[in-house]
Amino acid sequence: MSKEPITEEFFINKLAAAKVHFERALDCKHTEFDDLYPYMIEHPQFFWYKRYVAWSELLTIVNLCQELDFNWKSQFSDHQVEYVNERVMSAKVLDYWFEKNDSKEHAQR
């Protein structure tokens, strides 16, 4: 098993994966979290917690990219960059992460 070098490309790939994970959690779609905690699907707070975990993962990778001076902002729209910089997963983030919730991109994720 070879180790992948820690490069900007490595972090940007991890960031893209974390963004998809967060967006899938926003849409209440299946993520790896569902496989780890299948019993939580029965609990109403599950989707909130799932989103919180995905948001935390995204912020952690963004923070590492910032510390390493990697260009993480190119992966996001301007308003998403603003939300990430605010660091709080507010109702605004949940409601307006996607510019248009009925967009083709949103429906295909």
N, C-alpha and C. Protein backbone atom coordinates (compact mmCIF):
# COMPACT_ATOMS: atom_id res chain seq x y z
N MET A 1 0.84 -1.17 0.00
CA MET A 1 0.00 0.00 0.00
C MET A 1 0.89 1.24 0.00
N SER A 2 0.76 2.05 -1.02
CA SER A 2 1.57 3.26 -1.09
C SER A 2 0.79 4.44 -0.50
N LYS A 3 1.54 5.36 0.05
CA LYS A 3 0.93 6.55 0.63
C LYS A 3 0.86 7.63 -0.43
N GLU A 4 -0.30 8.30 -0.48
CA GLU A 4 -0.46 9.41 -1.42
C GLU A 4 0.22 10.64 -0.83
N PRO A 5 1.01 11.36 -1.62
CA PRO A 5 1.68 12.55 -1.08
C PRO A 5 0.66 13.63 -0.71
N ILE A 6 0.98 14.37 0.31
CA ILE A 6 0.12 15.45 0.77
C ILE A 6 0.39 16.67 -0.12
N THR A 7 -0.50 16.90 -1.04
CA THR A 7 -0.36 18.00 -2.00
C THR A 7 -1.63 18.83 -1.98
N GLU A 8 -1.59 19.95 -2.68
CA GLU A 8 -2.79 20.77 -2.80
C GLU A 8 -3.89 19.97 -3.51
N GLU A 9 -3.53 19.22 -4.52
CA GLU A 9 -4.52 18.41 -5.23
C GLU A 9 -5.20 17.41 -4.29
N PHE A 10 -4.43 16.80 -3.41
CA PHE A 10 -4.96 15.86 -2.44
C PHE A 10 -6.03 16.53 -1.57
N PHE A 11 -5.70 17.72 -1.04
CA PHE A 11 -6.64 18.44 -0.19
C PHE A 11 -7.87 18.91 -0.95
N ILE A 12 -7.69 19.37 -2.16
CA ILE A 12 -8.83 19.84 -2.95
C ILE A 12 -9.76 18.67 -3.28
N ASN A 13 -9.19 17.49 -3.53
CA ASN A 13 -10.02 16.30 -3.75
C ASN A 13 -10.80 15.93 -2.50
N LYS A 14 -10.14 16.02 -1.34
CA LYS A 14 -10.82 15.74 -0.07
C LYS A 14 -11.91 16.78 0.19
N LEU A 15 -11.63 18.03 -0.16
CA LEU A 15 -12.60 19.10 0.00
C LEU A 15 -13.81 18.87 -0.89
N ALA A 16 -13.58 18.48 -2.14
CA ALA A 16 -14.69 18.20 -3.06
C ALA A 16 -15.55 17.06 -2.52
N ALA A 17 -14.91 16.04 -1.98
CA ALA A 17 -15.67 14.91 -1.41
C ALA A 17 -16.48 15.36 -0.19
N ALA A 18 -15.90 16.20 0.65
CA ALA A 18 -16.61 16.70 1.83
C ALA A 18 -17.78 17.59 1.43
N LYS A 19 -17.61 18.37 0.37
CA LYS A 19 -18.70 19.22 -0.12
C LYS A 19 -19.86 18.35 -0.62
N VAL A 20 -19.54 17.31 -1.38
CA VAL A 20 -20.59 16.40 -1.86
C VAL A 20 -21.28 15.72 -0.68
N HIS A 21 -20.49 15.31 0.32
CA HIS A 21 -21.07 14.68 1.51
C HIS A 21 -22.04 15.64 2.20
N PHE A 22 -21.64 16.89 2.36
CA PHE A 22 -22.52 17.88 3.00
C PHE A 22 -23.78 18.10 2.16
N GLU A 23 -23.62 18.22 0.87
CA GLU A 23 -24.77 18.47 0.00
C GLU A 23 -25.73 17.28 -0.01
N ARG A 24 -25.20 16.08 0.05
CA ARG A 24 -26.06 14.89 0.13
C ARG A 24 -26.80 14.88 1.47
N ALA A 25 -26.11 15.29 2.54
CA ALA A 25 -26.76 15.36 3.85
C ALA A 25 -27.87 16.41 3.83
N LEU A 26 -27.62 17.56 3.18
CA LEU A 26 -28.65 18.59 3.06
C LEU A 26 -29.90 18.05 2.36
N ASP A 27 -29.67 17.23 1.35
CA ASP A 27 -30.78 16.66 0.56
C ASP A 27 -31.36 15.40 1.19
N CYS A 28 -30.88 15.04 2.38
CA CYS A 28 -31.33 13.82 3.07
C CYS A 28 -31.11 12.57 2.22
N LYS A 29 -30.01 12.57 1.48
CA LYS A 29 -29.66 11.40 0.68
C LYS A 29 -28.67 10.53 1.45
N HIS A 30 -28.48 9.32 0.99
CA HIS A 30 -27.61 8.37 1.66
C HIS A 30 -26.16 8.86 1.66
N THR A 31 -25.51 8.73 2.81
CA THR A 31 -24.09 9.03 2.95
C THR A 31 -23.44 7.90 3.74
N GLU A 32 -22.13 7.96 3.87
CA GLU A 32 -21.41 6.96 4.67
C GLU A 32 -21.90 6.96 6.11
N PHE A 33 -22.35 8.10 6.59
CA PHE A 33 -22.84 8.22 7.96
C PHE A 33 -24.02 7.26 8.19
N ASP A 34 -24.85 7.07 7.19
CA ASP A 34 -26.00 6.16 7.32
C ASP A 34 -25.53 4.73 7.57
N ASP A 35 -24.43 4.36 6.93
CA ASP A 35 -23.89 3.01 7.11
C ASP A 35 -23.28 2.83 8.50
N LEU A 36 -22.70 3.89 9.03
CA LEU A 36 -22.07 3.81 10.35
C LEU A 36 -23.10 3.77 11.48
N TYR A 37 -24.21 4.47 11.28
CA TYR A 37 -25.22 4.58 12.34
C TYR A 37 -26.61 4.29 11.79
N PRO A 38 -26.86 3.07 11.29
CA PRO A 38 -28.16 2.78 10.66
C PRO A 38 -29.34 2.90 11.62
N TYR A 39 -29.12 2.69 12.91
CA TYR A 39 -30.22 2.77 13.88
C TYR A 39 -30.73 4.19 14.06
N MET A 40 -29.92 5.19 13.72
CA MET A 40 -30.32 6.58 13.93
C MET A 40 -31.41 7.04 12.96
N ILE A 41 -31.59 6.33 11.87
CA ILE A 41 -32.62 6.71 10.90
C ILE A 41 -33.99 6.74 11.57
N GLU A 42 -34.16 5.96 12.62
CA GLU A 42 -35.43 5.89 13.33
C GLU A 42 -35.69 7.11 14.22
N HIS A 43 -34.69 7.94 14.42
CA HIS A 43 -34.81 9.08 15.34
C HIS A 43 -34.94 10.39 14.57
N PRO A 44 -35.87 11.24 14.98
CA PRO A 44 -36.11 12.50 14.25
C PRO A 44 -34.90 13.43 14.19
N GLN A 45 -34.04 13.41 15.19
CA GLN A 45 -32.88 14.30 15.20
C GLN A 45 -31.77 13.81 14.28
N PHE A 46 -31.95 12.64 13.69
CA PHE A 46 -30.91 12.04 12.85
C PHE A 46 -30.45 12.97 11.74
N PHE A 47 -31.37 13.56 10.97
CA PHE A 47 -30.97 14.37 9.82
C PHE A 47 -30.25 15.63 10.25
N TRP A 48 -30.64 16.20 11.38
CA TRP A 48 -29.93 17.36 11.89
C TRP A 48 -28.50 16.98 12.26
N TYR A 49 -28.35 15.86 12.96
CA TYR A 49 -27.02 15.42 13.39
C TYR A 49 -26.16 15.06 12.18
N LYS A 50 -26.76 14.39 11.21
CA LYS A 50 -26.04 14.00 9.99
C LYS A 50 -25.51 15.25 9.26
N ARG A 51 -26.31 16.28 9.20
CA ARG A 51 -25.88 17.53 8.56
C ARG A 51 -24.77 18.20 9.36
N TYR A 52 -24.91 18.16 10.67
CA TYR A 52 -23.88 18.76 11.53
C TYR A 52 -22.53 18.06 11.34
N VAL A 53 -22.54 16.74 11.28
CA VAL A 53 -21.31 15.98 11.08
C VAL A 53 -20.68 16.33 9.73
N ALA A 54 -21.49 16.40 8.68
CA ALA A 54 -20.98 16.72 7.34
C ALA A 54 -20.44 18.16 7.30
N TRP A 55 -21.14 19.09 7.95
CA TRP A 55 -20.69 20.48 8.02
C TRP A 55 -19.35 20.58 8.76
N SER A 56 -19.23 19.86 9.85
CA SER A 56 -17.98 19.86 10.62
C SER A 56 -16.82 19.32 9.79
N GLU A 57 -17.07 18.26 9.04
CA GLU A 57 -16.05 17.69 8.17
C GLU A 57 -15.61 18.72 7.12
N LEU A 58 -16.58 19.38 6.52
CA LEU A 58 -16.28 20.39 5.51
C LEU A 58 -15.45 21.53 6.10
N LEU A 59 -15.85 22.03 7.26
CA LEU A 59 -15.11 23.13 7.89
C LEU A 59 -13.70 22.72 8.29
N THR A 60 -13.53 21.49 8.72
CA THR A 60 -12.20 21.00 9.10
C THR A 60 -11.26 21.00 7.91
N ILE A 61 -11.74 20.52 6.78
CA ILE A 61 -10.88 20.47 5.59
C ILE A 61 -10.62 21.88 5.07
N VAL A 62 -11.62 22.75 5.10
CA VAL A 62 -11.41 24.15 4.70
C VAL A 62 -10.36 24.79 5.59
N ASN A 63 -10.45 24.55 6.88
CA ASN A 63 -9.48 25.13 7.82
C ASN A 63 -8.06 24.66 7.50
N LEU A 64 -7.88 23.39 7.20
CA LEU A 64 -6.57 22.88 6.82
C LEU A 64 -6.08 23.53 5.53
N CYS A 65 -6.98 23.67 4.57
CA CYS A 65 -6.61 24.32 3.30
C CYS A 65 -6.18 25.77 3.54
N GLN A 66 -6.88 26.46 4.42
CA GLN A 66 -6.51 27.84 4.73
C GLN A 66 -5.13 27.90 5.38
N GLU A 67 -4.89 27.01 6.33
CA GLU A 67 -3.59 26.99 7.02
C GLU A 67 -2.45 26.70 6.06
N LEU A 68 -2.71 25.90 5.03
CA LEU A 68 -1.68 25.53 4.06
C LEU A 68 -1.66 26.45 2.84
N ASP A 69 -2.50 27.50 2.86
CA ASP A 69 -2.60 28.46 1.76
C ASP A 69 -3.00 27.80 0.44
N PHE A 70 -3.91 26.84 0.52
CA PHE A 70 -4.45 26.19 -0.67
C PHE A 70 -5.73 26.92 -1.09
N ASN A 71 -5.97 27.00 -2.38
CA ASN A 71 -7.12 27.73 -2.92
C ASN A 71 -8.39 26.89 -2.81
N TRP A 72 -9.04 26.96 -1.67
CA TRP A 72 -10.26 26.18 -1.45
C TRP A 72 -11.50 26.89 -2.01
N LYS A 73 -11.46 28.21 -2.14
CA LYS A 73 -12.64 28.98 -2.52
C LYS A 73 -13.13 28.67 -3.94
N SER A 74 -12.24 28.20 -4.80
CA SER A 74 -12.64 27.92 -6.18
C SER A 74 -13.63 26.77 -6.28
N GLN A 75 -13.80 26.01 -5.21
CA GLN A 75 -14.72 24.88 -5.19
C GLN A 75 -16.15 25.29 -4.85
N PHE A 76 -16.35 26.57 -4.51
CA PHE A 76 -17.63 27.04 -4.00
C PHE A 76 -18.11 28.28 -4.74
N SER A 77 -19.41 28.50 -4.70
CA SER A 77 -19.95 29.77 -5.22
C SER A 77 -19.64 30.86 -4.20
N ASP A 78 -19.83 32.11 -4.59
CA ASP A 78 -19.52 33.23 -3.70
C ASP A 78 -20.33 33.17 -2.41
N HIS A 79 -21.63 32.86 -2.52
CA HIS A 79 -22.43 32.83 -1.29
C HIS A 79 -22.06 31.63 -0.42
N GLN A 80 -21.62 30.53 -1.01
CA GLN A 80 -21.18 29.38 -0.21
C GLN A 80 -19.89 29.71 0.54
N VAL A 81 -18.98 30.45 -0.12
CA VAL A 81 -17.75 30.90 0.55
C VAL A 81 -18.11 31.74 1.77
N GLU A 82 -19.09 32.61 1.60
CA GLU A 82 -19.54 33.45 2.70
C GLU A 82 -20.06 32.60 3.86
N TYR A 83 -20.87 31.59 3.56
CA TYR A 83 -21.40 30.70 4.60
C TYR A 83 -20.28 29.96 5.32
N VAL A 84 -19.33 29.45 4.55
CA VAL A 84 -18.21 28.70 5.14
C VAL A 84 -17.38 29.64 6.03
N ASN A 85 -17.14 30.85 5.58
CA ASN A 85 -16.38 31.81 6.38
C ASN A 85 -17.09 32.17 7.68
N GLU A 86 -18.42 32.18 7.65
CA GLU A 86 -19.20 32.47 8.86
C GLU A 86 -19.14 31.30 9.84
N ARG A 87 -18.89 30.10 9.34
CA ARG A 87 -18.66 28.87 10.10
C ARG A 87 -19.89 28.34 10.84
N VAL A 88 -21.00 29.03 10.84
CA VAL A 88 -22.19 28.60 11.56
C VAL A 88 -23.18 27.99 10.58
N MET A 89 -23.60 26.77 10.87
CA MET A 89 -24.59 26.13 10.01
C MET A 89 -25.97 26.63 10.44
N SER A 90 -26.35 27.75 9.89
CA SER A 90 -27.61 28.40 10.23
C SER A 90 -28.71 27.95 9.28
N ALA A 91 -29.91 28.40 9.56
CA ALA A 91 -31.04 28.11 8.67
C ALA A 91 -30.77 28.67 7.28
N LYS A 92 -30.06 29.79 7.22
CA LYS A 92 -29.71 30.40 5.92
C LYS A 92 -28.87 29.42 5.09
N VAL A 93 -27.91 28.77 5.73
CA VAL A 93 -27.07 27.79 5.02
C VAL A 93 -27.94 26.63 4.54
N LEU A 94 -28.77 26.12 5.42
CA LEU A 94 -29.62 24.98 5.07
C LEU A 94 -30.59 25.31 3.94
N ASP A 95 -31.14 26.51 3.97
CA ASP A 95 -32.14 26.90 2.98
C ASP A 95 -31.56 27.40 1.66
N TYR A 96 -30.38 28.01 1.71
CA TYR A 96 -29.87 28.68 0.51
C TYR A 96 -28.49 28.21 0.06
N TRP A 97 -28.03 27.06 0.53
CA TRP A 97 -26.74 26.55 0.09
C TRP A 97 -26.69 26.44 -1.42
N PHE A 98 -27.75 25.85 -1.98
CA PHE A 98 -27.87 25.77 -3.43
C PHE A 98 -28.53 27.07 -3.87
N GLU A 99 -27.99 27.69 -4.91
CA GLU A 99 -28.55 28.98 -5.33
C GLU A 99 -30.02 28.85 -5.66
N LYS A 100 -30.36 27.77 -6.34
CA LYS A 100 -31.75 27.50 -6.66
C LYS A 100 -32.01 26.04 -6.29
N ASN A 101 -32.89 25.81 -5.38
CA ASN A 101 -33.15 24.45 -4.94
C ASN A 101 -33.81 23.60 -6.01
N ASP A 102 -34.29 24.23 -7.08
CA ASP A 102 -34.91 23.45 -8.15
C ASP A 102 -33.99 23.33 -9.36
N SER A 103 -32.71 23.68 -9.19
CA SER A 103 -31.78 23.63 -10.32
C SER A 103 -31.50 22.19 -10.73
N LYS A 104 -31.08 22.02 -11.96
CA LYS A 104 -30.77 20.69 -12.48
C LYS A 104 -29.62 20.07 -11.68
N GLU A 105 -28.60 20.87 -11.36
CA GLU A 105 -27.46 20.37 -10.59
C GLU A 105 -27.91 19.82 -9.25
N HIS A 106 -28.80 20.56 -8.59
CA HIS A 106 -29.30 20.16 -7.28
C HIS A 106 -30.07 18.85 -7.37
N ALA A 107 -30.87 18.70 -8.38
CA ALA A 107 -31.70 17.49 -8.52
C ALA A 107 -30.88 16.25 -8.84
N GLN A 108 -29.72 16.42 -9.45
CA GLN A 108 -28.92 15.27 -9.86
C GLN A 108 -28.00 14.75 -8.76
N ARG A 109 -27.79 15.47 -7.72
CA ARG A 109 -26.86 15.04 -6.67
C ARG A 109 -27.46 13.94 -5.81
